[in-house]
Protein backbone atom coordinates (compact mmCIF):
# COMPACT_ATOMS: atom_id res chain seq x y z
CA UNK A 1 -35.42 -89.71 146.86
CA UNK A 2 -37.78 -88.10 144.34
CA UNK A 3 -35.73 -84.92 143.95
CA UNK A 4 -32.74 -86.68 142.43
CA UNK A 5 -34.40 -87.88 139.14
CA UNK A 6 -36.24 -84.56 138.82
CA UNK A 7 -32.99 -82.50 138.80
CA UNK A 8 -31.86 -83.47 135.35
CA UNK A 9 -35.41 -82.85 134.02
CA UNK A 10 -35.12 -79.12 134.82
CA UNK A 11 -32.33 -78.48 132.26
CA UNK A 12 -34.31 -80.42 129.68
CA UNK A 13 -37.43 -78.44 130.17
CA UNK A 14 -35.39 -75.21 129.99
CA UNK A 15 -33.88 -76.49 126.87
CA UNK A 16 -37.14 -77.39 125.27
CA UNK A 17 -38.52 -73.98 126.21
CA UNK A 18 -35.51 -72.30 124.82
CA UNK A 19 -35.55 -74.25 121.55
CA UNK A 20 -39.21 -73.84 121.09
CA UNK A 21 -39.83 -77.49 120.51
CA UNK A 22 -42.16 -78.18 123.31
CA UNK A 23 -45.80 -78.41 122.99
CA UNK A 24 -46.64 -75.33 124.92
CA UNK A 25 -43.57 -73.33 123.93
CA UNK A 26 -43.88 -70.13 122.01
CA UNK A 27 -42.74 -69.70 118.44
CA UNK A 28 -39.00 -69.23 117.94
CA UNK A 29 -38.00 -65.76 117.02
CA UNK A 30 -35.53 -65.59 114.16
CA UNK A 31 -32.69 -63.27 114.62
CA UNK A 32 -32.54 -60.18 112.46
CA UNK A 33 -30.36 -60.57 109.44
CA UNK A 34 -27.06 -59.06 109.81
CA UNK A 35 -25.72 -57.26 106.82
CA UNK A 36 -22.96 -59.11 105.16
CA UNK A 37 -19.87 -56.97 105.07
CA UNK A 38 -18.00 -59.43 102.93
CA UNK A 39 -18.00 -60.25 99.26
CA UNK A 40 -21.86 -59.66 98.75
CA UNK A 41 -21.75 -56.14 100.06
CA UNK A 42 -18.71 -55.47 97.92
CA UNK A 43 -20.40 -56.68 94.78
CA UNK A 44 -23.59 -54.61 95.53
CA UNK A 45 -21.45 -51.53 96.00
CA UNK A 46 -19.64 -52.20 92.71
CA UNK A 47 -23.03 -52.68 90.96
CA UNK A 48 -24.32 -49.37 92.32
CA UNK A 49 -21.10 -47.57 91.34
CA UNK A 50 -21.00 -49.09 87.93
CA UNK A 51 -24.52 -48.26 86.67
CA UNK A 52 -27.01 -47.96 89.43
CA UNK A 53 -29.85 -50.40 90.01
CA UNK A 54 -30.52 -53.00 87.22
CA UNK A 55 -33.71 -54.81 86.25
CA UNK A 56 -33.18 -58.46 85.64
CA UNK A 57 -35.04 -59.57 82.40
CA UNK A 58 -35.56 -63.24 81.77
CA UNK A 59 -35.95 -63.97 78.06
CA UNK A 60 -37.54 -67.18 76.80
CA UNK A 61 -35.60 -67.68 73.56
CA UNK A 62 -37.85 -70.31 72.09
CA UNK A 63 -41.07 -68.41 72.75
CA UNK A 64 -39.56 -65.13 71.47
CA UNK A 65 -38.45 -66.73 68.27
CA UNK A 66 -41.74 -68.39 67.65
CA UNK A 67 -43.49 -64.99 68.34
CA UNK A 68 -41.30 -63.18 65.86
CA UNK A 69 -41.85 -65.87 63.20
CA UNK A 70 -45.61 -65.84 63.73
CA UNK A 71 -45.69 -62.03 63.49
CA UNK A 72 -43.74 -62.06 60.24
CA UNK A 73 -46.07 -64.71 58.80
CA UNK A 74 -49.07 -62.68 59.82
CA UNK A 75 -47.68 -59.56 58.15
CA UNK A 76 -46.83 -61.46 54.99
CA UNK A 77 -50.36 -63.00 54.85
CA UNK A 78 -51.94 -59.54 55.36
CA UNK A 79 -50.00 -58.11 52.46
CA UNK A 80 -50.49 -61.10 50.18
CA UNK A 81 -54.31 -61.07 50.79
CA UNK A 82 -54.71 -57.35 50.48
CA UNK A 83 -57.40 -57.64 47.75
CA UNK A 84 -59.48 -59.70 50.04
CA UNK A 85 -58.93 -57.90 53.40
CA UNK A 86 -59.42 -54.38 52.22
CA UNK A 87 -63.05 -54.80 50.82
CA UNK A 88 -63.84 -57.07 53.67
CA UNK A 89 -62.89 -54.66 56.46
CA UNK A 90 -64.31 -51.69 54.49
CA UNK A 91 -67.60 -53.49 54.13
CA UNK A 92 -67.66 -54.48 57.89
CA UNK A 93 -67.06 -50.89 58.91
CA UNK A 94 -69.66 -49.40 56.61
CA UNK A 95 -72.16 -52.01 57.87
CA UNK A 96 -71.43 -51.19 61.43
CA UNK A 97 -72.13 -47.51 60.62
CA UNK A 98 -75.45 -48.13 58.79
CA UNK A 99 -76.76 -50.79 61.21
CA UNK A 100 -78.43 -48.26 63.57
CA UNK A 101 -80.42 -46.93 60.72
CA UNK A 102 -81.76 -50.37 59.86
CA UNK A 103 -82.55 -50.87 63.62
CA UNK A 104 -84.47 -47.59 63.63
CA UNK A 105 -86.50 -48.76 60.70
CA UNK A 106 -87.22 -52.09 62.51
CA UNK A 107 -88.65 -50.03 65.45
CA UNK A 108 -91.12 -48.62 62.93
CA UNK A 109 -92.08 -52.27 62.05
CA UNK A 110 -90.15 -52.26 58.81
CA UNK A 111 -88.79 -55.67 58.07
CA UNK A 112 -85.00 -56.02 58.06
CA UNK A 113 -84.85 -57.16 54.47
CA UNK A 114 -86.73 -54.13 53.30
CA UNK A 115 -84.77 -51.83 55.65
CA UNK A 116 -81.41 -53.14 54.51
CA UNK A 117 -82.53 -52.70 50.83
CA UNK A 118 -83.76 -49.16 51.40
CA UNK A 119 -80.54 -48.07 53.23
CA UNK A 120 -78.25 -49.64 50.56
CA UNK A 121 -80.29 -48.05 47.79
CA UNK A 122 -80.37 -44.69 49.56
CA UNK A 123 -76.55 -44.59 49.94
CA UNK A 124 -75.95 -45.58 46.37
CA UNK A 125 -78.61 -43.00 45.17
CA UNK A 126 -76.92 -40.26 47.22
CA UNK A 127 -73.49 -41.16 45.74
CA UNK A 128 -74.94 -41.31 42.21
CA UNK A 129 -76.78 -37.97 42.63
CA UNK A 130 -73.62 -36.26 43.82
CA UNK A 131 -71.61 -37.65 40.88
CA UNK A 132 -74.46 -36.57 38.49
CA UNK A 133 -74.37 -32.99 39.82
CA UNK A 134 -70.61 -32.74 39.50
CA UNK A 135 -70.21 -34.65 36.31
CA UNK A 136 -70.09 -31.44 34.28
CA UNK A 137 -67.19 -30.06 36.40
CA UNK A 138 -65.25 -33.35 36.13
CA UNK A 139 -65.72 -33.39 32.37
CA UNK A 140 -64.47 -29.84 32.27
CA UNK A 141 -61.33 -30.84 34.01
CA UNK A 142 -60.77 -33.67 31.48
CA UNK A 143 -61.56 -31.43 28.51
CA UNK A 144 -59.04 -28.77 29.81
CA UNK A 145 -56.13 -31.28 29.86
CA UNK A 146 -54.89 -30.23 26.34
CA UNK A 147 -55.16 -26.51 27.31
CA UNK A 148 -53.36 -27.34 30.45
CA UNK A 149 -50.50 -28.89 28.40
CA UNK A 150 -50.20 -25.77 26.32
CA UNK A 151 -50.06 -23.61 29.52
CA UNK A 152 -47.33 -25.83 30.90
CA UNK A 153 -45.30 -25.43 27.71
CA UNK A 154 -45.73 -21.70 27.61
CA UNK A 155 -44.88 -21.37 31.35
CA UNK A 156 -41.65 -23.24 30.87
CA UNK A 157 -40.85 -21.63 27.51
CA UNK A 158 -39.96 -17.87 27.48
CA UNK A 159 -41.57 -15.83 24.84
CA UNK A 160 -38.60 -13.55 23.89
CA UNK A 161 -36.51 -16.23 21.91
CA UNK A 162 -34.54 -17.29 24.88
CA UNK A 163 -34.07 -20.88 25.93
CA UNK A 164 -36.78 -22.59 27.91
CA UNK A 165 -36.38 -23.64 31.55
CA UNK A 166 -36.24 -27.38 30.48
CA UNK A 167 -33.61 -26.59 27.94
CA UNK A 168 -31.52 -24.75 30.50
CA UNK A 169 -31.75 -27.67 32.87
CA UNK A 170 -30.77 -30.04 30.06
CA UNK A 171 -27.81 -27.87 29.19
CA UNK A 172 -26.71 -27.77 32.96
CA UNK A 173 -26.92 -31.51 33.18
CA UNK A 174 -24.84 -31.92 29.96
CA UNK A 175 -22.20 -29.73 31.35
CA UNK A 176 -22.14 -31.73 34.70
CA UNK A 177 -21.88 -34.96 32.65
CA UNK A 178 -19.01 -33.59 30.56
CA UNK A 179 -17.19 -32.51 33.63
CA UNK A 180 -17.58 -35.94 35.27
CA UNK A 181 -16.42 -37.68 32.06
CA UNK A 182 -13.30 -35.58 31.80
CA UNK A 183 -12.53 -36.06 35.57
CA UNK A 184 -12.86 -39.84 35.43
CA UNK A 185 -11.82 -40.51 31.86
CA UNK A 186 -15.15 -41.89 30.79
CA UNK A 187 -14.32 -43.08 27.32
CA UNK A 188 -17.09 -45.72 27.34
CA UNK A 189 -19.72 -43.04 28.24
CA UNK A 190 -18.69 -40.92 25.31
CA UNK A 191 -18.87 -43.90 23.04
CA UNK A 192 -22.40 -44.61 24.21
CA UNK A 193 -23.42 -41.02 23.75
CA UNK A 194 -22.07 -41.11 20.21
CA UNK A 195 -24.11 -44.21 19.40
CA UNK A 196 -27.13 -42.67 20.83
CA UNK A 197 -26.66 -39.49 18.62
CA UNK A 198 -26.22 -41.66 15.58
CA UNK A 199 -29.83 -42.99 16.01
CA UNK A 200 -32.56 -41.58 13.67
CA UNK A 201 -34.58 -38.73 15.16
CA UNK A 202 -37.80 -40.72 15.14
CA UNK A 203 -36.18 -43.53 17.11
CA UNK A 204 -34.60 -41.13 19.58
CA UNK A 205 -37.96 -39.33 20.10
CA UNK A 206 -39.76 -42.71 20.55
CA UNK A 207 -37.21 -43.81 23.12
CA UNK A 208 -37.47 -40.62 25.19
CA UNK A 209 -41.20 -39.88 24.78
CA UNK A 210 -43.84 -40.96 27.16
CA UNK A 211 -46.23 -43.52 25.77
CA UNK A 212 -49.66 -42.22 26.53
CA UNK A 213 -51.50 -45.50 25.69
CA UNK A 214 -49.58 -47.24 28.44
CA UNK A 215 -50.97 -44.74 30.92
CA UNK A 216 -54.43 -45.08 29.53
CA UNK A 217 -54.28 -48.87 29.75
CA UNK A 218 -52.92 -48.70 33.28
CA UNK A 219 -55.74 -46.25 34.34
CA UNK A 220 -58.38 -48.51 32.70
CA UNK A 221 -57.09 -51.55 34.59
CA UNK A 222 -57.09 -49.61 37.82
CA UNK A 223 -60.57 -48.25 37.25
CA UNK A 224 -61.96 -51.79 36.56
CA UNK A 225 -60.27 -53.08 39.70
CA UNK A 226 -61.72 -50.25 41.74
CA UNK A 227 -65.21 -50.88 40.32
CA UNK A 228 -65.06 -54.57 41.10
CA UNK A 229 -63.93 -53.98 44.64
CA UNK A 230 -66.66 -51.35 45.12
CA UNK A 231 -69.28 -53.81 43.89
CA UNK A 232 -67.95 -56.46 46.43
CA UNK A 233 -68.12 -53.96 49.17
CA UNK A 234 -71.79 -52.96 48.31
CA UNK A 235 -72.86 -56.58 48.33
CA UNK A 236 -71.03 -57.36 51.58
CA UNK A 237 -72.68 -54.34 53.32
CA UNK A 238 -76.08 -55.46 52.14
CA UNK A 239 -75.63 -58.98 53.27
CA UNK A 240 -74.22 -57.86 56.70
CA UNK A 241 -77.13 -55.49 57.25
CA UNK A 242 -79.40 -58.30 56.29
CA UNK A 243 -77.72 -60.70 58.84
CA UNK A 244 -78.11 -58.25 61.79
CA UNK A 245 -76.94 -59.73 65.09
CA UNK A 246 -76.51 -63.32 63.73
CA UNK A 247 -72.76 -63.29 63.77
CA UNK A 248 -72.59 -61.64 67.10
CA UNK A 249 -74.74 -64.45 68.69
CA UNK A 250 -72.54 -67.03 66.89
CA UNK A 251 -69.34 -65.46 68.29
CA UNK A 252 -70.88 -65.42 71.82
CA UNK A 253 -71.81 -69.09 71.40
CA UNK A 254 -68.32 -70.06 70.15
CA UNK A 255 -66.62 -68.60 73.24
CA UNK A 256 -67.62 -71.66 75.24
CA UNK A 257 -70.26 -72.67 77.88
CA UNK A 258 -68.74 -70.36 80.58
CA UNK A 259 -71.02 -67.45 81.49
CA UNK A 260 -68.05 -65.24 82.20
CA UNK A 261 -66.53 -65.76 78.83
CA UNK A 262 -69.88 -64.92 77.15
CA UNK A 263 -70.22 -61.74 79.13
CA UNK A 264 -66.63 -60.66 78.31
CA UNK A 265 -67.38 -61.36 74.58
CA UNK A 266 -70.56 -59.39 74.63
CA UNK A 267 -68.75 -56.42 76.22
CA UNK A 268 -66.01 -56.58 73.58
CA UNK A 269 -68.56 -56.72 70.75
CA UNK A 270 -70.49 -53.83 72.14
CA UNK A 271 -67.41 -51.75 72.65
CA UNK A 272 -66.20 -52.39 69.07
CA UNK A 273 -69.64 -51.53 67.75
CA UNK A 274 -69.74 -48.22 69.68
CA UNK A 275 -66.21 -47.19 68.75
CA UNK A 276 -66.64 -47.94 65.04
CA UNK A 277 -70.02 -46.26 64.75
CA UNK A 278 -68.80 -43.13 66.54
CA UNK A 279 -65.56 -42.99 64.50
CA UNK A 280 -67.40 -43.48 61.11
CA UNK A 281 -70.06 -40.87 62.04
CA UNK A 282 -67.25 -38.49 63.00
CA UNK A 283 -65.65 -39.05 59.55
CA UNK A 284 -68.91 -38.43 57.81
CA UNK A 285 -69.57 -35.14 59.73
CA UNK A 286 -66.08 -33.76 59.37
CA UNK A 287 -65.61 -34.59 55.64
CA UNK A 288 -69.01 -33.17 54.63
CA UNK A 289 -68.21 -30.01 56.64
CA UNK A 290 -64.73 -29.71 55.01
CA UNK A 291 -66.18 -30.22 51.56
CA UNK A 292 -68.71 -27.45 52.10
CA UNK A 293 -66.22 -25.03 53.52
CA UNK A 294 -63.76 -25.76 50.80
CA UNK A 295 -66.47 -25.22 48.04
CA UNK A 296 -67.47 -21.80 49.58
CA UNK A 297 -63.91 -20.60 49.82
CA UNK A 298 -62.85 -21.79 46.29
CA UNK A 299 -65.99 -20.39 44.75
CA UNK A 300 -65.43 -17.09 46.45
CA UNK A 301 -61.92 -16.89 45.21
CA UNK A 302 -63.06 -17.79 41.66
CA UNK A 303 -61.39 -21.05 41.10
CA UNK A 304 -62.90 -23.01 38.22
CA UNK A 305 -64.74 -26.37 38.91
CA UNK A 306 -64.84 -25.55 42.67
CA UNK A 307 -67.50 -28.24 43.40
CA UNK A 308 -65.28 -31.04 41.87
CA UNK A 309 -62.27 -29.94 43.87
CA UNK A 310 -64.36 -29.64 47.05
CA UNK A 311 -65.63 -33.23 46.44
CA UNK A 312 -62.02 -34.36 45.91
CA UNK A 313 -61.14 -32.52 49.21
CA UNK A 314 -63.82 -34.31 51.10
CA UNK A 315 -62.71 -37.70 49.89
CA UNK A 316 -59.02 -37.04 50.42
CA UNK A 317 -59.59 -35.90 53.96
CA UNK A 318 -60.62 -39.42 54.88
CA UNK A 319 -56.86 -40.26 54.97
CA UNK A 320 -55.54 -38.94 58.36
CA UNK A 321 -52.59 -36.56 58.32
CA UNK A 322 -51.77 -37.02 54.75
CA UNK A 323 -55.13 -36.01 53.21
CA UNK A 324 -54.73 -32.27 54.05
CA UNK A 325 -51.33 -32.21 52.40
CA UNK A 326 -52.73 -33.79 49.25
CA UNK A 327 -55.56 -31.28 49.20
CA UNK A 328 -53.25 -28.35 49.52
CA UNK A 329 -50.92 -29.50 46.80
CA UNK A 330 -53.71 -30.24 44.32
CA UNK A 331 -55.59 -26.98 44.81
CA UNK A 332 -52.32 -24.99 44.70
CA UNK A 333 -51.29 -26.56 41.34
CA UNK A 334 -54.79 -25.92 39.82
CA UNK A 335 -54.59 -22.32 41.02
CA UNK A 336 -51.08 -21.97 39.49
CA UNK A 337 -52.20 -23.16 36.12
CA UNK A 338 -55.47 -21.12 36.10
CA UNK A 339 -54.26 -17.71 37.46
CA UNK A 340 -50.52 -18.02 36.75
CA UNK A 341 -49.89 -15.84 39.84
CA UNK A 342 -48.02 -16.60 42.96
CA UNK A 343 -50.32 -14.51 45.07
CA UNK A 344 -53.39 -16.59 43.95
CA UNK A 345 -51.55 -19.80 44.56
CA UNK A 346 -50.77 -18.81 48.06
CA UNK A 347 -54.30 -17.61 48.55
CA UNK A 348 -55.96 -20.86 47.30
CA UNK A 349 -53.51 -23.24 48.96
CA UNK A 350 -53.56 -21.27 52.21
CA UNK A 351 -57.35 -21.38 52.21
CA UNK A 352 -57.36 -25.15 51.68
CA UNK A 353 -54.68 -25.71 54.30
CA UNK A 354 -56.51 -23.48 56.76
CA UNK A 355 -59.80 -25.32 56.33
CA UNK A 356 -58.16 -28.64 56.49
CA UNK A 357 -56.28 -27.72 59.65
CA UNK A 358 -59.47 -26.28 61.21
CA UNK A 359 -61.59 -29.29 60.55
CA UNK A 360 -59.04 -32.10 60.55
CA UNK A 361 -56.51 -31.11 63.18
CA UNK A 362 -58.89 -29.43 65.64
CA UNK A 363 -62.38 -30.97 65.21
CA UNK A 364 -61.48 -34.41 64.02
CA UNK A 365 -58.41 -34.83 66.40
CA UNK A 366 -60.51 -33.68 69.37
CA UNK A 367 -63.44 -36.00 68.42
CA UNK A 368 -61.14 -38.93 67.71
CA UNK A 369 -59.38 -38.43 71.16
CA UNK A 370 -62.80 -38.48 72.92
CA UNK A 371 -64.03 -41.56 70.89
CA UNK A 372 -60.84 -43.72 70.67
CA UNK A 373 -58.88 -42.54 73.84
CA UNK A 374 -55.61 -43.53 72.16
CA UNK A 375 -52.08 -42.26 72.14
CA UNK A 376 -51.62 -39.95 69.10
CA UNK A 377 -48.01 -41.07 68.60
CA UNK A 378 -48.99 -44.73 68.58
CA UNK A 379 -51.87 -44.03 66.16
CA UNK A 380 -49.45 -42.15 63.88
CA UNK A 381 -46.91 -45.11 63.99
CA UNK A 382 -49.77 -47.56 63.28
CA UNK A 383 -50.81 -45.39 60.33
CA UNK A 384 -47.31 -45.58 58.92
CA UNK A 385 -47.37 -49.34 59.31
CA UNK A 386 -50.76 -49.83 57.57
CA UNK A 387 -49.90 -47.32 54.93
CA UNK A 388 -46.77 -49.33 54.24
CA UNK A 389 -48.75 -52.56 54.28
CA UNK A 390 -51.73 -51.60 52.08
CA UNK A 391 -51.03 -48.11 50.67
CA UNK A 392 -53.84 -45.51 50.64
CA UNK A 393 -56.36 -48.08 51.78
CA UNK A 394 -54.13 -48.83 54.80
CA UNK A 395 -54.19 -45.19 55.77
CA UNK A 396 -57.99 -45.15 55.51
CA UNK A 397 -58.51 -48.42 57.57
CA UNK A 398 -55.63 -48.07 59.96
CA UNK A 399 -57.36 -46.02 62.65
CA UNK A 400 -60.51 -48.29 62.99
CA UNK A 401 -58.36 -51.46 62.86
CA UNK A 402 -56.18 -50.00 65.78
CA UNK A 403 -59.36 -49.02 67.60
CA UNK A 404 -60.62 -52.64 67.44
CA UNK A 405 -57.16 -53.99 68.51
CA UNK A 406 -57.25 -51.68 71.51
CA UNK A 407 -60.77 -52.70 72.62
CA UNK A 408 -59.80 -56.40 72.41
CA UNK A 409 -56.52 -55.79 74.20
CA UNK A 410 -58.31 -54.13 77.19
CA UNK A 411 -60.55 -57.11 77.67
CA UNK A 412 -58.26 -60.06 76.98
CA UNK A 413 -55.59 -61.35 79.42
CA UNK A 414 -52.07 -61.35 78.17
CA UNK A 415 -52.56 -58.24 75.90
CA UNK A 416 -52.05 -55.64 78.64
CA UNK A 417 -48.92 -54.47 76.93
CA UNK A 418 -50.74 -53.62 73.73
CA UNK A 419 -53.56 -51.81 75.53
CA UNK A 420 -51.01 -49.79 77.55
CA UNK A 421 -49.10 -48.74 74.47
CA UNK A 422 -52.17 -47.75 72.52
CA UNK A 423 -53.89 -46.01 75.43
CA UNK A 424 -53.59 -42.41 76.55
């Protein structure tokens, strides 16, 4: 009598054990997926045949548009506020470079106020002493400008009564213009030329001559602007040296109460400090070395005012990549006007280019690679951008700005793409 009700329970227990829903039943094992031989496999095969594997990219249109607009606004703001940002960044970089000297004086129990004053006065004194030693050569270059004009006229004018090079170029241009006028039927152009020829000689000469006073006034305004910005940089360097680590402590405090954030901020500021100090020290050493080598080579060749051109070479070499080209062109032109010999031009320009290549492309590039650990192609593209944005000052400040950006990108989440692009 008891076996009758228990018989239907056996299939139920087997069903429970099979389905895996019982309390002691093992977990159900899912069957292996069977590849679909239908439309899905056909579409995958077509995709592989069409262009291989494809990476799906999801674009957030609103975020991308806001990012582009913010980038354009930032670039416009940087270009508009160039007169503020250039002295500001230059003063910060110089202060970072001179800060270890002030700290060294503090270890000798010299107060920071006195140390900052001594360092600033020492830098200004060194610059003033260099200019005082080279002022005679700079004045010689200025005094030789009239003689240089006569040399240019004599070079372009042959001494045997023939037409000068400029006259030949003008004659060739006139022939081309007459041929174009006859081909296109330029009656209006001939009428304009006839009215121009009817002008008095004094008016024609005044219309075609270069007004020297405009150049003098433009140069005076540029010199006044440079002196005002240099004064701003000097005061900014002095006050930053006087402040010491005050702004560093304030930035760490502003990051928030989290200890992790404060540690990351301290590491970022320390890395920026080390990178800028190493790069500026490298610039100082390489530029002084290049100026000394250039002075020795030009003096041995016999180029006049070799010290002034060596100082110019040391200053121009601050600009990466484009500085050596400017040095080569300037020294080659000076050698041409002094010696009037192609052999001497090649000798002087080749010596300048060789020294600039040795110091700039070998020593400076090697030291910059070890200091910054950046991709040279990315650095060159960034120099093009900063040069377009701020001109010569952008070429000077582009590398340290990119170094700071790389240091920040390596420590901040969400900027991994920037760090990867700028890295080695």
